Every structure is written in structure tokens, then in C-alpha cells.
PDB file of all heavy atoms in Angstrom:
ATOM      1  N   ALA A   1      -0.016  13.054   7.024  1.00  0.00           N
ATOM      2  CA  ALA A   1      -0.735  11.787   6.917  1.00  0.00           C
ATOM      3  C   ALA A   1       0.161  10.729   6.288  1.00  0.00           C
ATOM      4  O   ALA A   1       0.833  10.969   5.283  1.00  0.00           O
ATOM      5  CB  ALA A   1      -2.003  11.971   6.086  1.00  0.00           C
ATOM      6  N   SER A   2       0.189   9.545   6.875  1.00  0.00           N
ATOM      7  CA  SER A   2       1.057   8.464   6.405  1.00  0.00           C
ATOM      8  C   SER A   2       0.262   7.430   5.631  1.00  0.00           C
ATOM      9  O   SER A   2      -0.804   6.995   6.073  1.00  0.00           O
ATOM     10  CB  SER A   2       1.740   7.791   7.604  1.00  0.00           C
ATOM     11  OG  SER A   2       2.413   6.611   7.205  1.00  0.00           O
ATOM     12  N   VAL A   3       0.782   7.050   4.468  1.00  0.00           N
ATOM     13  CA  VAL A   3       0.134   5.988   3.697  1.00  0.00           C
ATOM     14  C   VAL A   3       0.503   4.619   4.261  1.00  0.00           C
ATOM     15  O   VAL A   3      -0.173   3.628   4.005  1.00  0.00           O
ATOM     16  CB  VAL A   3       0.511   6.060   2.205  1.00  0.00           C
ATOM     17  CG1 VAL A   3       0.049   7.360   1.592  1.00  0.00           C
ATOM     18  CG2 VAL A   3       2.003   5.880   2.005  1.00  0.00           C
ATOM     19  N   ILE A   4       1.594   4.568   5.005  1.00  0.00           N
ATOM     20  CA  ILE A   4       2.017   3.313   5.626  1.00  0.00           C
ATOM     21  C   ILE A   4       1.186   3.031   6.870  1.00  0.00           C
ATOM     22  O   ILE A   4       0.752   1.900   7.106  1.00  0.00           O
ATOM     23  CB  ILE A   4       3.512   3.345   5.987  1.00  0.00           C
ATOM     24  CG1 ILE A   4       4.361   3.481   4.711  1.00  0.00           C
ATOM     25  CG2 ILE A   4       3.921   2.091   6.768  1.00  0.00           C
ATOM     26  CD1 ILE A   4       5.845   3.629   4.971  1.00  0.00           C
ATOM     27  N   GLY A   5       0.949   4.074   7.650  1.00  0.00           N
ATOM     28  CA  GLY A   5       0.128   3.901   8.850  1.00  0.00           C
ATOM     29  C   GLY A   5       0.709   2.876   9.792  1.00  0.00           C
ATOM     30  O   GLY A   5       1.903   2.881  10.086  1.00  0.00           O
ATOM     31  N   ASP A   6      -0.151   1.958  10.258  1.00  0.00           N
ATOM     32  CA  ASP A   6       0.295   0.941  11.212  1.00  0.00           C
ATOM     33  C   ASP A   6       0.621  -0.385  10.548  1.00  0.00           C
ATOM     34  O   ASP A   6       0.716  -1.420  11.214  1.00  0.00           O
ATOM     35  CB  ASP A   6      -0.763   0.739  12.298  1.00  0.00           C
ATOM     36  CG  ASP A   6      -2.118   0.313  11.719  1.00  0.00           C
ATOM     37  OD1 ASP A   6      -2.235   0.238  10.468  1.00  0.00           O
ATOM     38  OD2 ASP A   6      -3.047   0.069  12.503  1.00  0.00           O
ATOM     39  N   ILE A   7       0.785  -0.385   9.229  1.00  0.00           N
ATOM     40  CA  ILE A   7       1.123  -1.614   8.503  1.00  0.00           C
ATOM     41  C   ILE A   7       2.515  -2.081   8.906  1.00  0.00           C
ATOM     42  O   ILE A   7       3.461  -1.297   8.921  1.00  0.00           O
ATOM     43  CB  ILE A   7       1.058  -1.384   6.984  1.00  0.00           C
ATOM     44  CG1 ILE A   7      -0.386  -1.136   6.557  1.00  0.00           C
ATOM     45  CG2 ILE A   7       1.637  -2.576   6.221  1.00  0.00           C
ATOM     46  CD1 ILE A   7      -0.543  -0.778   5.096  1.00  0.00           C
ATOM     47  N   ASP A   8       2.646  -3.364   9.246  1.00  0.00           N
ATOM     48  CA  ASP A   8       3.938  -3.887   9.676  1.00  0.00           C
ATOM     49  C   ASP A   8       4.335  -5.167   8.942  1.00  0.00           C
ATOM     50  O   ASP A   8       5.191  -5.917   9.405  1.00  0.00           O
ATOM     51  CB  ASP A   8       3.943  -4.126  11.191  1.00  0.00           C
ATOM     52  CG  ASP A   8       2.847  -5.079  11.640  1.00  0.00           C
ATOM     53  OD1 ASP A   8       2.154  -5.653  10.770  1.00  0.00           O
ATOM     54  OD2 ASP A   8       2.673  -5.255  12.863  1.00  0.00           O
ATOM     55  N   GLU A   9       3.723  -5.436   7.797  1.00  0.00           N
ATOM     56  CA  GLU A   9       4.117  -6.573   6.965  1.00  0.00           C
ATOM     57  C   GLU A   9       3.963  -6.188   5.505  1.00  0.00           C
ATOM     58  O   GLU A   9       3.206  -5.271   5.159  1.00  0.00           O
ATOM     59  CB  GLU A   9       3.302  -7.823   7.292  1.00  0.00           C
ATOM     60  CG  GLU A   9       1.802  -7.660   7.157  1.00  0.00           C
ATOM     61  CD  GLU A   9       1.043  -8.896   7.602  1.00  0.00           C
ATOM     62  OE1 GLU A   9       1.461 -10.015   7.239  1.00  0.00           O
ATOM     63  OE2 GLU A   9       0.034  -8.747   8.312  1.00  0.00           O
ATOM     64  N   ASP A  10       4.701  -6.887   4.638  1.00  0.00           N
ATOM     65  CA  ASP A  10       4.678  -6.563   3.214  1.00  0.00           C
ATOM     66  C   ASP A  10       3.245  -6.578   2.685  1.00  0.00           C
ATOM     67  O   ASP A  10       2.511  -7.559   2.867  1.00  0.00           O
ATOM     68  CB  ASP A  10       5.524  -7.560   2.426  1.00  0.00           C
ATOM     69  CG  ASP A  10       7.005  -7.409   2.726  1.00  0.00           C
ATOM     70  OD1 ASP A  10       7.390  -6.384   3.322  1.00  0.00           O
ATOM     71  OD2 ASP A  10       7.776  -8.327   2.377  1.00  0.00           O
ATOM     72  N   THR A  11       2.865  -5.490   2.021  1.00  0.00           N
ATOM     73  CA  THR A  11       1.494  -5.326   1.553  1.00  0.00           C
ATOM     74  C   THR A  11       1.487  -4.722   0.157  1.00  0.00           C
ATOM     75  O   THR A  11       2.250  -3.801  -0.133  1.00  0.00           O
ATOM     76  CB  THR A  11       0.704  -4.402   2.506  1.00  0.00           C
ATOM     77  OG1 THR A  11       0.689  -4.977   3.821  1.00  0.00           O
ATOM     78  CG2 THR A  11      -0.721  -4.211   2.028  1.00  0.00           C
ATOM     79  N   LEU A  12       0.622  -5.262  -0.688  1.00  0.00           N
ATOM     80  CA  LEU A  12       0.451  -4.715  -2.033  1.00  0.00           C
ATOM     81  C   LEU A  12      -1.005  -4.284  -2.186  1.00  0.00           C
ATOM     82  O   LEU A  12      -1.921  -5.092  -2.048  1.00  0.00           O
ATOM     83  CB  LEU A  12       0.802  -5.756  -3.098  1.00  0.00           C
ATOM     84  CG  LEU A  12       0.805  -5.261  -4.543  1.00  0.00           C
ATOM     85  CD1 LEU A  12       1.860  -4.178  -4.736  1.00  0.00           C
ATOM     86  CD2 LEU A  12       1.037  -6.406  -5.525  1.00  0.00           C
ATOM     87  N   LYS A  13      -1.194  -2.980  -2.465  1.00  0.00           N
ATOM     88  CA  LYS A  13      -2.539  -2.435  -2.607  1.00  0.00           C
ATOM     89  C   LYS A  13      -2.837  -2.198  -4.084  1.00  0.00           C
ATOM     90  O   LYS A  13      -2.088  -1.521  -4.776  1.00  0.00           O
ATOM     91  CB  LYS A  13      -2.671  -1.131  -1.821  1.00  0.00           C
ATOM     92  CG  LYS A  13      -2.533  -1.313  -0.316  1.00  0.00           C
ATOM     93  CD  LYS A  13      -2.798  -0.004   0.423  1.00  0.00           C
ATOM     94  CE  LYS A  13      -2.757  -0.212   1.935  1.00  0.00           C
ATOM     95  NZ  LYS A  13      -3.111   1.026   2.677  1.00  0.00           N
ATOM     96  N   LEU A  14      -3.960  -2.764  -4.551  1.00  0.00           N
ATOM     97  CA  LEU A  14      -4.362  -2.655  -5.944  1.00  0.00           C
ATOM     98  C   LEU A  14      -5.504  -1.647  -6.070  1.00  0.00           C
ATOM     99  O   LEU A  14      -6.470  -1.706  -5.307  1.00  0.00           O
ATOM    100  CB  LEU A  14      -4.826  -4.011  -6.490  1.00  0.00           C
ATOM    101  CG  LEU A  14      -3.760  -5.058  -6.820  1.00  0.00           C
ATOM    102  CD1 LEU A  14      -2.958  -5.457  -5.586  1.00  0.00           C
ATOM    103  CD2 LEU A  14      -4.407  -6.299  -7.417  1.00  0.00           C
ATOM    104  N   SER A  15      -5.395  -0.734  -7.041  1.00  0.00           N
ATOM    105  CA  SER A  15      -6.401   0.304  -7.227  1.00  0.00           C
ATOM    106  C   SER A  15      -7.123   0.151  -8.559  1.00  0.00           C
ATOM    107  O   SER A  15      -6.581  -0.448  -9.501  1.00  0.00           O
ATOM    108  CB  SER A  15      -5.752   1.691  -7.149  1.00  0.00           C
ATOM    109  OG  SER A  15      -5.211   1.911  -5.861  1.00  0.00           O
ATOM    110  N   PRO A  16      -8.339   0.693  -8.669  1.00  0.00           N
ATOM    111  CA  PRO A  16      -9.131   0.554  -9.898  1.00  0.00           C
ATOM    112  C   PRO A  16      -8.454   1.123 -11.138  1.00  0.00           C
ATOM    113  O   PRO A  16      -8.719   0.673 -12.248  1.00  0.00           O
ATOM    114  CB  PRO A  16     -10.414   1.333  -9.566  1.00  0.00           C
ATOM    115  CG  PRO A  16     -10.506   1.315  -8.091  1.00  0.00           C
ATOM    116  CD  PRO A  16      -9.090   1.382  -7.603  1.00  0.00           C
ATOM    117  N   ASN A  17      -7.589   2.131 -10.982  1.00  0.00           N
ATOM    118  CA  ASN A  17      -6.932   2.740 -12.145  1.00  0.00           C
ATOM    119  C   ASN A  17      -5.704   1.968 -12.613  1.00  0.00           C
ATOM    120  O   ASN A  17      -4.989   2.409 -13.505  1.00  0.00           O
ATOM    121  CB  ASN A  17      -6.548   4.189 -11.846  1.00  0.00           C
ATOM    122  CG  ASN A  17      -5.557   4.311 -10.692  1.00  0.00           C
ATOM    123  OD1 ASN A  17      -5.130   3.321 -10.109  1.00  0.00           O
ATOM    124  ND2 ASN A  17      -5.187   5.538 -10.350  1.00  0.00           N
ATOM    125  N   GLY A  18      -5.458   0.813 -11.995  1.00  0.00           N
ATOM    126  CA  GLY A  18      -4.346  -0.034 -12.426  1.00  0.00           C
ATOM    127  C   GLY A  18      -3.046   0.206 -11.699  1.00  0.00           C
ATOM    128  O   GLY A  18      -2.080  -0.545 -11.881  1.00  0.00           O
ATOM    129  N   THR A  19      -2.979   1.250 -10.871  1.00  0.00           N
ATOM    130  CA  THR A  19      -1.761   1.509 -10.112  1.00  0.00           C
ATOM    131  C   THR A  19      -1.662   0.565  -8.919  1.00  0.00           C
ATOM    132  O   THR A  19      -2.667   0.024  -8.434  1.00  0.00           O
ATOM    133  CB  THR A  19      -1.720   2.963  -9.607  1.00  0.00           C
ATOM    134  OG1 THR A  19      -2.831   3.185  -8.723  1.00  0.00           O
ATOM    135  CG2 THR A  19      -1.782   3.929 -10.772  1.00  0.00           C
ATOM    136  N   LEU A  20      -0.435   0.390  -8.442  1.00  0.00           N
ATOM    137  CA  LEU A  20      -0.192  -0.479  -7.295  1.00  0.00           C
ATOM    138  C   LEU A  20       0.669   0.270  -6.284  1.00  0.00           C
ATOM    139  O   LEU A  20       1.613   0.967  -6.660  1.00  0.00           O
ATOM    140  CB  LEU A  20       0.532  -1.773  -7.706  1.00  0.00           C
ATOM    141  CG  LEU A  20      -0.147  -2.659  -8.749  1.00  0.00           C
ATOM    142  CD1 LEU A  20       0.336  -2.282 -10.154  1.00  0.00           C
ATOM    143  CD2 LEU A  20       0.145  -4.127  -8.493  1.00  0.00           C
ATOM    144  N   LEU A  21       0.343   0.126  -5.026  1.00  0.00           N
ATOM    145  CA  LEU A  21       1.144   0.712  -3.953  1.00  0.00           C
ATOM    146  C   LEU A  21       1.740  -0.437  -3.145  1.00  0.00           C
ATOM    147  O   LEU A  21       1.024  -1.204  -2.517  1.00  0.00           O
ATOM    148  CB  LEU A  21       0.294   1.603  -3.049  1.00  0.00           C
ATOM    149  CG  LEU A  21       1.062   2.270  -1.898  1.00  0.00           C
ATOM    150  CD1 LEU A  21       2.053   3.289  -2.437  1.00  0.00           C
ATOM    151  CD2 LEU A  21       0.097   2.940  -0.915  1.00  0.00           C
ATOM    152  N   GLU A  22       3.066  -0.533  -3.201  1.00  0.00           N
ATOM    153  CA  GLU A  22       3.765  -1.589  -2.476  1.00  0.00           C
ATOM    154  C   GLU A  22       4.342  -1.031  -1.176  1.00  0.00           C
ATOM    155  O   GLU A  22       5.134  -0.096  -1.194  1.00  0.00           O
ATOM    156  CB  GLU A  22       4.894  -2.168  -3.328  1.00  0.00           C
ATOM    157  CG  GLU A  22       5.664  -3.272  -2.621  1.00  0.00           C
ATOM    158  CD  GLU A  22       6.901  -3.706  -3.385  1.00  0.00           C
ATOM    159  OE1 GLU A  22       7.609  -2.818  -3.927  1.00  0.00           O
ATOM    160  OE2 GLU A  22       7.164  -4.905  -3.455  1.00  0.00           O
ATOM    161  N   ILE A  23       3.926  -1.612  -0.071  1.00  0.00           N
ATOM    162  CA  ILE A  23       4.463  -1.230   1.230  1.00  0.00           C
ATOM    163  C   ILE A  23       5.347  -2.378   1.716  1.00  0.00           C
ATOM    164  O   ILE A  23       4.864  -3.487   1.939  1.00  0.00           O
ATOM    165  CB  ILE A  23       3.340  -0.937   2.237  1.00  0.00           C
ATOM    166  CG1 ILE A  23       2.503   0.253   1.746  1.00  0.00           C
ATOM    167  CG2 ILE A  23       3.915  -0.647   3.621  1.00  0.00           C
ATOM    168  CD1 ILE A  23       1.304   0.562   2.601  1.00  0.00           C
ATOM    169  N   SER A  24       6.630  -2.097   1.850  1.00  0.00           N
ATOM    170  CA  SER A  24       7.595  -3.115   2.268  1.00  0.00           C
ATOM    171  C   SER A  24       8.066  -2.825   3.684  1.00  0.00           C
ATOM    172  O   SER A  24       8.316  -1.670   4.040  1.00  0.00           O
ATOM    173  CB  SER A  24       8.793  -3.139   1.318  1.00  0.00           C
ATOM    174  OG  SER A  24       8.399  -3.456   0.009  1.00  0.00           O
TER     175      SER A  24
END
């Protein structure tokens, strides 16, 4: 399973626990 998936532009995902997932 891919966390990037079909994302094709810079994306920042914010989560309730304060962590951030940056997809470049």
C-alpha cells in the first residue's frame, strides 16, 4: 500500500496527533 498513491503535487497532511506527512 502506498501513502503517496496518485498524488502528483506537493502536499502536506496534518494529523490530530501533531505529526505531519510531507509528500513532495
